[in-house]
Amino acid sequence: MRTSCLFALVLILLSLAGAQASADDEGKPFAEARIVLQMADGDAESQTRVLNVANNLIKHYGGPDFVDIEIVAYGPGLSLLFPGNANEERISSLLTNEVRFVGCMNTVESIERATGERPDLIPETIPVQTGVARLVERAQQGFVVIRP
């Protein structure tokens, strides 16, 4: 019984340590706020809105050093990360301000199955297998999840 309890405790501690290490590896550990923006809609208005929110957060917190922002794109929202997107300059500016753009590979694979062609994503895209799972993981790591 004691061995089982000890084993369970070790597993819990390892999982908590792994979640924290993952957050720190990619984020800004000294940021005042940690925010992940959900991009699930592919229309131009939704894309503009999510980019506006990211810019407004950077201004509100006094610069990119004080806020950790990640935009997770999946489903139709993945089109935000296609090269040649109308918002390319704004995305480039946000990248300069250390905003991370995360793309769902399940969506990429679905598009490839449907069209026969694998879509390209901007080179700065951080690939994750499941965009929604990334949102859940970030929430567990203390990020506030917002769907603008």
N, C-alpha and C. Protein backbone atom coordinates (compact mmCIF):
# COMPACT_ATOMS: atom_id res chain seq x y z
N MET A 1 0.82 -1.19 0.00
CA MET A 1 0.00 0.00 0.00
C MET A 1 0.87 1.26 0.00
N ARG A 2 1.89 1.25 0.86
CA ARG A 2 2.78 2.41 0.95
C ARG A 2 3.48 2.65 -0.38
N THR A 3 3.91 1.58 -1.03
CA THR A 3 4.60 1.69 -2.31
C THR A 3 3.67 2.30 -3.37
N SER A 4 2.41 1.89 -3.38
CA SER A 4 1.44 2.42 -4.33
C SER A 4 1.23 3.91 -4.12
N CYS A 5 1.10 4.31 -2.87
CA CYS A 5 0.91 5.74 -2.56
C CYS A 5 2.13 6.55 -2.96
N LEU A 6 3.30 6.03 -2.66
CA LEU A 6 4.54 6.71 -3.01
C LEU A 6 4.66 6.84 -4.52
N PHE A 7 4.35 5.78 -5.24
CA PHE A 7 4.41 5.80 -6.71
C PHE A 7 3.44 6.84 -7.27
N ALA A 8 2.22 6.89 -6.74
CA ALA A 8 1.23 7.86 -7.20
C ALA A 8 1.70 9.29 -6.93
N LEU A 9 2.29 9.51 -5.77
CA LEU A 9 2.80 10.84 -5.42
C LEU A 9 3.92 11.25 -6.38
N VAL A 10 4.82 10.34 -6.69
CA VAL A 10 5.91 10.63 -7.62
C VAL A 10 5.36 10.98 -9.00
N LEU A 11 4.36 10.24 -9.46
CA LEU A 11 3.75 10.53 -10.76
C LEU A 11 3.12 11.91 -10.79
N ILE A 12 2.42 12.26 -9.74
CA ILE A 12 1.79 13.58 -9.67
C ILE A 12 2.85 14.68 -9.69
N LEU A 13 3.90 14.54 -8.91
CA LEU A 13 4.95 15.55 -8.87
C LEU A 13 5.66 15.68 -10.21
N LEU A 14 5.90 14.56 -10.88
CA LEU A 14 6.54 14.60 -12.20
C LEU A 14 5.66 15.29 -13.22
N SER A 15 4.36 15.02 -13.19
CA SER A 15 3.47 15.66 -14.16
C SER A 15 3.37 17.15 -13.91
N LEU A 16 3.34 17.57 -12.65
CA LEU A 16 3.32 19.00 -12.35
C LEU A 16 4.62 19.67 -12.77
N ALA A 17 5.73 19.04 -12.53
CA ALA A 17 7.02 19.60 -12.92
C ALA A 17 7.12 19.70 -14.44
N GLY A 18 6.61 18.71 -15.14
CA GLY A 18 6.65 18.72 -16.60
C GLY A 18 5.79 19.83 -17.18
N ALA A 19 4.62 20.05 -16.60
CA ALA A 19 3.74 21.12 -17.07
C ALA A 19 4.39 22.47 -16.86
N GLN A 20 5.02 22.68 -15.71
CA GLN A 20 5.68 23.96 -15.43
C GLN A 20 6.87 24.17 -16.34
N ALA A 21 7.68 23.14 -16.56
CA ALA A 21 8.84 23.26 -17.43
C ALA A 21 8.42 23.60 -18.84
N SER A 22 7.34 22.99 -19.30
CA SER A 22 6.84 23.27 -20.65
C SER A 22 6.42 24.73 -20.78
N ALA A 23 5.73 25.25 -19.78
CA ALA A 23 5.29 26.64 -19.83
C ALA A 23 6.49 27.58 -19.82
N ASP A 24 7.47 27.30 -18.98
CA ASP A 24 8.62 28.18 -18.86
C ASP A 24 9.50 28.13 -20.10
N ASP A 25 9.62 26.98 -20.73
CA ASP A 25 10.47 26.84 -21.91
C ASP A 25 10.03 27.75 -23.05
N GLU A 26 8.74 27.94 -23.21
CA GLU A 26 8.24 28.69 -24.35
C GLU A 26 7.74 30.07 -23.98
N GLY A 27 7.59 30.36 -22.73
CA GLY A 27 6.94 31.60 -22.34
C GLY A 27 7.87 32.60 -21.70
N LYS A 28 7.27 33.56 -21.08
CA LYS A 28 7.98 34.62 -20.38
C LYS A 28 7.69 34.46 -18.89
N PRO A 29 8.61 33.88 -18.15
CA PRO A 29 8.32 33.56 -16.75
C PRO A 29 8.06 34.77 -15.86
N PHE A 30 8.47 35.97 -16.27
CA PHE A 30 8.29 37.15 -15.43
C PHE A 30 7.16 38.06 -15.91
N ALA A 31 6.37 37.58 -16.86
CA ALA A 31 5.25 38.38 -17.37
C ALA A 31 4.19 38.56 -16.29
N GLU A 32 3.54 39.73 -16.32
CA GLU A 32 2.45 40.01 -15.37
C GLU A 32 1.21 39.20 -15.71
N ALA A 33 1.02 38.91 -17.00
CA ALA A 33 -0.15 38.16 -17.44
C ALA A 33 0.27 37.15 -18.51
N ARG A 34 -0.39 36.00 -18.48
CA ARG A 34 -0.12 34.95 -19.45
C ARG A 34 -1.45 34.63 -20.12
N ILE A 35 -1.51 34.92 -21.43
CA ILE A 35 -2.79 34.86 -22.13
C ILE A 35 -2.65 34.05 -23.41
N VAL A 36 -3.62 33.19 -23.65
CA VAL A 36 -3.67 32.46 -24.91
C VAL A 36 -4.98 32.85 -25.60
N LEU A 37 -4.84 33.27 -26.85
CA LEU A 37 -6.00 33.69 -27.64
C LEU A 37 -6.38 32.56 -28.60
N GLN A 38 -7.65 32.23 -28.60
CA GLN A 38 -8.16 31.15 -29.43
C GLN A 38 -8.57 31.71 -30.79
N MET A 39 -8.05 31.11 -31.87
CA MET A 39 -8.41 31.54 -33.23
C MET A 39 -9.03 30.34 -33.94
N ALA A 40 -10.36 30.26 -33.90
CA ALA A 40 -11.06 29.13 -34.51
C ALA A 40 -11.86 29.53 -35.74
N ASP A 41 -12.03 30.82 -35.96
CA ASP A 41 -12.82 31.30 -37.09
C ASP A 41 -11.91 31.80 -38.20
N GLY A 42 -12.28 31.53 -39.43
CA GLY A 42 -11.41 31.89 -40.55
C GLY A 42 -11.74 33.19 -41.24
N ASP A 43 -12.80 33.86 -40.81
CA ASP A 43 -13.20 35.09 -41.51
C ASP A 43 -12.26 36.25 -41.16
N ALA A 44 -12.20 37.21 -42.06
CA ALA A 44 -11.29 38.35 -41.91
C ALA A 44 -11.58 39.15 -40.64
N GLU A 45 -12.85 39.29 -40.30
CA GLU A 45 -13.22 40.06 -39.11
C GLU A 45 -12.67 39.41 -37.83
N SER A 46 -12.77 38.09 -37.74
CA SER A 46 -12.26 37.37 -36.56
C SER A 46 -10.74 37.47 -36.48
N GLN A 47 -10.07 37.37 -37.64
CA GLN A 47 -8.61 37.50 -37.65
C GLN A 47 -8.18 38.88 -37.19
N THR A 48 -8.85 39.89 -37.70
CA THR A 48 -8.53 41.26 -37.30
C THR A 48 -8.75 41.44 -35.81
N ARG A 49 -9.84 40.88 -35.30
CA ARG A 49 -10.17 41.02 -33.88
C ARG A 49 -9.09 40.38 -33.00
N VAL A 50 -8.65 39.16 -33.33
CA VAL A 50 -7.65 38.49 -32.49
C VAL A 50 -6.32 39.25 -32.51
N LEU A 51 -5.95 39.79 -33.66
CA LEU A 51 -4.71 40.57 -33.75
C LEU A 51 -4.84 41.89 -33.00
N ASN A 52 -6.01 42.52 -33.07
CA ASN A 52 -6.26 43.74 -32.30
C ASN A 52 -6.15 43.48 -30.80
N VAL A 53 -6.73 42.38 -30.35
CA VAL A 53 -6.69 42.04 -28.93
C VAL A 53 -5.24 41.85 -28.49
N ALA A 54 -4.45 41.14 -29.28
CA ALA A 54 -3.04 40.94 -28.94
C ALA A 54 -2.31 42.28 -28.83
N ASN A 55 -2.51 43.15 -29.80
CA ASN A 55 -1.87 44.48 -29.76
C ASN A 55 -2.34 45.28 -28.55
N ASN A 56 -3.64 45.24 -28.27
CA ASN A 56 -4.18 45.99 -27.14
C ASN A 56 -3.62 45.48 -25.81
N LEU A 57 -3.44 44.17 -25.70
CA LEU A 57 -2.86 43.61 -24.47
C LEU A 57 -1.41 44.07 -24.27
N ILE A 58 -0.65 44.09 -25.35
CA ILE A 58 0.74 44.56 -25.26
C ILE A 58 0.77 46.01 -24.79
N LYS A 59 -0.11 46.84 -25.35
CA LYS A 59 -0.17 48.24 -24.92
C LYS A 59 -0.62 48.36 -23.47
N HIS A 60 -1.65 47.62 -23.11
CA HIS A 60 -2.19 47.69 -21.75
C HIS A 60 -1.15 47.34 -20.69
N TYR A 61 -0.37 46.31 -20.96
CA TYR A 61 0.61 45.86 -19.97
C TYR A 61 1.94 46.60 -20.07
N GLY A 62 2.05 47.57 -20.97
CA GLY A 62 3.24 48.40 -21.03
C GLY A 62 4.37 47.85 -21.86
N GLY A 63 4.08 46.93 -22.74
CA GLY A 63 5.10 46.39 -23.65
C GLY A 63 5.14 44.88 -23.63
N PRO A 64 5.81 44.31 -24.62
CA PRO A 64 5.81 42.85 -24.77
C PRO A 64 6.53 42.10 -23.65
N ASP A 65 7.39 42.77 -22.90
CA ASP A 65 8.10 42.09 -21.81
C ASP A 65 7.19 41.77 -20.63
N PHE A 66 6.04 42.44 -20.56
CA PHE A 66 5.18 42.31 -19.39
C PHE A 66 3.94 41.45 -19.60
N VAL A 67 3.78 40.91 -20.81
CA VAL A 67 2.64 40.04 -21.09
C VAL A 67 3.10 38.92 -22.02
N ASP A 68 2.68 37.72 -21.72
CA ASP A 68 3.02 36.54 -22.50
C ASP A 68 1.78 36.14 -23.30
N ILE A 69 1.86 36.27 -24.63
CA ILE A 69 0.70 36.03 -25.48
C ILE A 69 1.00 34.92 -26.48
N GLU A 70 0.03 34.04 -26.61
CA GLU A 70 0.11 32.97 -27.59
C GLU A 70 -1.23 32.94 -28.32
N ILE A 71 -1.19 32.81 -29.64
CA ILE A 71 -2.40 32.68 -30.44
C ILE A 71 -2.43 31.27 -30.99
N VAL A 72 -3.48 30.52 -30.65
CA VAL A 72 -3.62 29.13 -31.10
C VAL A 72 -4.68 29.10 -32.19
N ALA A 73 -4.24 28.70 -33.40
CA ALA A 73 -5.13 28.66 -34.56
C ALA A 73 -5.44 27.21 -34.94
N TYR A 74 -6.71 26.94 -35.14
CA TYR A 74 -7.14 25.60 -35.54
C TYR A 74 -8.44 25.73 -36.34
N GLY A 75 -8.83 24.64 -36.98
CA GLY A 75 -10.04 24.68 -37.81
C GLY A 75 -9.90 25.78 -38.85
N PRO A 76 -11.00 26.44 -39.21
CA PRO A 76 -10.92 27.53 -40.19
C PRO A 76 -9.98 28.66 -39.77
N GLY A 77 -9.75 28.80 -38.46
CA GLY A 77 -8.85 29.84 -37.96
C GLY A 77 -7.40 29.65 -38.36
N LEU A 78 -7.05 28.43 -38.81
CA LEU A 78 -5.67 28.17 -39.23
C LEU A 78 -5.27 29.04 -40.41
N SER A 79 -6.27 29.52 -41.18
CA SER A 79 -5.96 30.37 -42.34
C SER A 79 -5.20 31.63 -41.94
N LEU A 80 -5.27 32.02 -40.67
CA LEU A 80 -4.49 33.16 -40.18
C LEU A 80 -3.00 32.94 -40.42
N LEU A 81 -2.58 31.67 -40.39
CA LEU A 81 -1.16 31.34 -40.49
C LEU A 81 -0.71 30.96 -41.90
N PHE A 82 -1.58 31.12 -42.89
CA PHE A 82 -1.19 30.83 -44.27
C PHE A 82 -0.31 31.96 -44.80
N PRO A 83 0.78 31.62 -45.49
CA PRO A 83 1.61 32.67 -46.10
C PRO A 83 0.76 33.52 -47.05
N GLY A 84 1.05 34.81 -47.09
CA GLY A 84 0.31 35.72 -47.96
C GLY A 84 -1.00 36.20 -47.36
N ASN A 85 -1.26 35.86 -46.11
CA ASN A 85 -2.46 36.33 -45.42
C ASN A 85 -2.48 37.86 -45.46
N ALA A 86 -3.67 38.41 -45.58
CA ALA A 86 -3.82 39.87 -45.64
C ALA A 86 -3.26 40.56 -44.40
N ASN A 87 -3.13 39.84 -43.31
CA ASN A 87 -2.62 40.40 -42.06
C ASN A 87 -1.14 40.11 -41.85
N GLU A 88 -0.43 39.77 -42.90
CA GLU A 88 0.97 39.37 -42.80
C GLU A 88 1.84 40.40 -42.07
N GLU A 89 1.66 41.67 -42.37
CA GLU A 89 2.47 42.71 -41.71
C GLU A 89 2.16 42.79 -40.21
N ARG A 90 0.89 42.68 -39.87
CA ARG A 90 0.51 42.73 -38.45
C ARG A 90 1.06 41.52 -37.70
N ILE A 91 1.01 40.37 -38.35
CA ILE A 91 1.55 39.15 -37.74
C ILE A 91 3.05 39.31 -37.52
N SER A 92 3.73 39.85 -38.52
CA SER A 92 5.18 40.08 -38.41
C SER A 92 5.49 41.01 -37.25
N SER A 93 4.70 42.05 -37.09
CA SER A 93 4.89 42.99 -35.98
C SER A 93 4.68 42.30 -34.64
N LEU A 94 3.67 41.45 -34.55
CA LEU A 94 3.43 40.74 -33.30
C LEU A 94 4.54 39.73 -33.01
N LEU A 95 5.06 39.10 -34.05
CA LEU A 95 6.20 38.19 -33.86
C LEU A 95 7.39 38.96 -33.29
N THR A 96 7.61 40.17 -33.77
CA THR A 96 8.69 41.01 -33.25
C THR A 96 8.47 41.31 -31.77
N ASN A 97 7.20 41.37 -31.37
CA ASN A 97 6.85 41.61 -29.97
C ASN A 97 6.70 40.30 -29.18
N GLU A 98 7.27 39.23 -29.71
CA GLU A 98 7.35 37.93 -29.05
C GLU A 98 6.01 37.24 -28.81
N VAL A 99 5.00 37.56 -29.63
CA VAL A 99 3.75 36.81 -29.59
C VAL A 99 4.02 35.51 -30.35
N ARG A 100 3.58 34.38 -29.76
CA ARG A 100 3.77 33.08 -30.41
C ARG A 100 2.51 32.71 -31.17
N PHE A 101 2.70 32.13 -32.35
CA PHE A 101 1.59 31.65 -33.17
C PHE A 101 1.68 30.14 -33.25
N VAL A 102 0.63 29.47 -32.81
CA VAL A 102 0.60 28.02 -32.72
C VAL A 102 -0.42 27.49 -33.73
N GLY A 103 -0.03 26.49 -34.50
CA GLY A 103 -0.91 25.91 -35.51
C GLY A 103 -1.23 24.45 -35.23
N CYS A 104 -2.47 24.08 -35.47
CA CYS A 104 -2.97 22.72 -35.21
C CYS A 104 -2.67 21.81 -36.41
N MET A 105 -1.88 20.78 -36.16
CA MET A 105 -1.52 19.85 -37.23
C MET A 105 -2.67 18.92 -37.59
N ASN A 106 -3.62 18.70 -36.67
CA ASN A 106 -4.81 17.93 -37.05
C ASN A 106 -5.57 18.66 -38.15
N THR A 107 -5.64 19.99 -38.05
CA THR A 107 -6.32 20.77 -39.09
C THR A 107 -5.54 20.70 -40.40
N VAL A 108 -4.21 20.79 -40.33
CA VAL A 108 -3.38 20.68 -41.53
C VAL A 108 -3.64 19.34 -42.21
N GLU A 109 -3.66 18.27 -41.42
CA GLU A 109 -3.88 16.93 -41.99
C GLU A 109 -5.28 16.80 -42.57
N SER A 110 -6.28 17.41 -41.94
CA SER A 110 -7.65 17.38 -42.47
C SER A 110 -7.74 18.11 -43.81
N ILE A 111 -7.08 19.25 -43.90
CA ILE A 111 -7.06 20.00 -45.16
C ILE A 111 -6.37 19.18 -46.24
N GLU A 112 -5.27 18.53 -45.89
CA GLU A 112 -4.54 17.71 -46.86
C GLU A 112 -5.40 16.55 -47.35
N ARG A 113 -6.13 15.91 -46.47
CA ARG A 113 -7.01 14.80 -46.88
C ARG A 113 -8.11 15.30 -47.81
N ALA A 114 -8.66 16.48 -47.49
CA ALA A 114 -9.79 17.01 -48.26
C ALA A 114 -9.38 17.55 -49.63
N THR A 115 -8.18 18.14 -49.70
CA THR A 115 -7.77 18.82 -50.95
C THR A 115 -6.68 18.09 -51.71
N GLY A 116 -6.00 17.17 -51.04
CA GLY A 116 -4.87 16.49 -51.67
C GLY A 116 -3.59 17.28 -51.59
N GLU A 117 -3.64 18.46 -50.98
CA GLU A 117 -2.44 19.30 -50.83
C GLU A 117 -2.28 19.71 -49.37
N ARG A 118 -1.05 19.64 -48.90
CA ARG A 118 -0.75 20.06 -47.52
C ARG A 118 -0.55 21.57 -47.53
N PRO A 119 -1.32 22.30 -46.71
CA PRO A 119 -1.16 23.76 -46.70
C PRO A 119 0.15 24.18 -46.05
N ASP A 120 0.76 25.21 -46.58
CA ASP A 120 1.94 25.80 -45.96
C ASP A 120 1.49 26.73 -44.83
N LEU A 121 2.33 26.85 -43.82
CA LEU A 121 2.10 27.79 -42.74
C LEU A 121 3.30 28.71 -42.66
N ILE A 122 3.11 29.88 -42.08
CA ILE A 122 4.24 30.79 -41.93
C ILE A 122 5.33 30.06 -41.15
N PRO A 123 6.59 30.32 -41.47
CA PRO A 123 7.69 29.57 -40.85
C PRO A 123 7.76 29.67 -39.33
N GLU A 124 7.23 30.74 -38.75
CA GLU A 124 7.31 30.95 -37.31
C GLU A 124 6.25 30.15 -36.54
N THR A 125 5.39 29.46 -37.25
CA THR A 125 4.33 28.68 -36.60
C THR A 125 4.93 27.60 -35.70
N ILE A 126 4.42 27.53 -34.50
CA ILE A 126 4.78 26.45 -33.57
C ILE A 126 3.75 25.34 -33.80
N PRO A 127 4.17 24.19 -34.31
CA PRO A 127 3.19 23.14 -34.59
C PRO A 127 2.84 22.34 -33.32
N VAL A 128 1.56 22.09 -33.15
CA VAL A 128 1.09 21.18 -32.10
C VAL A 128 0.11 20.22 -32.76
N GLN A 129 0.00 19.03 -32.25
CA GLN A 129 -0.88 18.06 -32.89
C GLN A 129 -2.34 18.48 -32.78
N THR A 130 -2.75 18.96 -31.61
CA THR A 130 -4.16 19.28 -31.38
C THR A 130 -4.27 20.68 -30.77
N GLY A 131 -4.82 21.61 -31.52
CA GLY A 131 -4.94 22.99 -31.05
C GLY A 131 -5.77 23.13 -29.79
N VAL A 132 -6.90 22.43 -29.73
CA VAL A 132 -7.76 22.53 -28.55
C VAL A 132 -7.05 21.97 -27.32
N ALA A 133 -6.29 20.91 -27.49
CA ALA A 133 -5.54 20.36 -26.36
C ALA A 133 -4.51 21.37 -25.87
N ARG A 134 -3.93 22.13 -26.79
CA ARG A 134 -2.97 23.18 -26.39
C ARG A 134 -3.65 24.21 -25.50
N LEU A 135 -4.89 24.58 -25.85
CA LEU A 135 -5.64 25.53 -25.02
C LEU A 135 -5.85 24.97 -23.61
N VAL A 136 -6.20 23.70 -23.53
CA VAL A 136 -6.43 23.06 -22.23
C VAL A 136 -5.12 23.04 -21.43
N GLU A 137 -4.03 22.64 -22.09
CA GLU A 137 -2.73 22.59 -21.40
C GLU A 137 -2.32 23.96 -20.90
N ARG A 138 -2.51 24.98 -21.73
CA ARG A 138 -2.13 26.33 -21.31
C ARG A 138 -2.98 26.79 -20.14
N ALA A 139 -4.26 26.47 -20.16
CA ALA A 139 -5.13 26.83 -19.03
C ALA A 139 -4.63 26.16 -17.75
N GLN A 140 -4.22 24.91 -17.85
CA GLN A 140 -3.69 24.20 -16.69
C GLN A 140 -2.36 24.80 -16.20
N GLN A 141 -1.65 25.47 -17.12
CA GLN A 141 -0.36 26.08 -16.77
C GLN A 141 -0.54 27.52 -16.27
N GLY A 142 -1.78 27.97 -16.13
CA GLY A 142 -2.03 29.29 -15.59
C GLY A 142 -2.30 30.37 -16.61
N PHE A 143 -2.34 30.03 -17.89
CA PHE A 143 -2.69 31.01 -18.91
C PHE A 143 -4.20 31.27 -18.85
N VAL A 144 -4.61 32.49 -19.13
CA VAL A 144 -6.02 32.82 -19.28
C VAL A 144 -6.35 32.59 -20.74
N VAL A 145 -7.39 31.80 -21.01
CA VAL A 145 -7.80 31.50 -22.38
C VAL A 145 -8.92 32.46 -22.77
N ILE A 146 -8.73 33.16 -23.90
CA ILE A 146 -9.71 34.14 -24.36
C ILE A 146 -10.07 33.81 -25.80
N ARG A 147 -11.37 33.89 -26.11
CA ARG A 147 -11.82 33.75 -27.48
C ARG A 147 -12.38 35.10 -27.91
N PRO A 148 -11.54 35.90 -28.56
CA PRO A 148 -12.01 37.24 -28.97
C PRO A 148 -13.13 37.17 -30.00
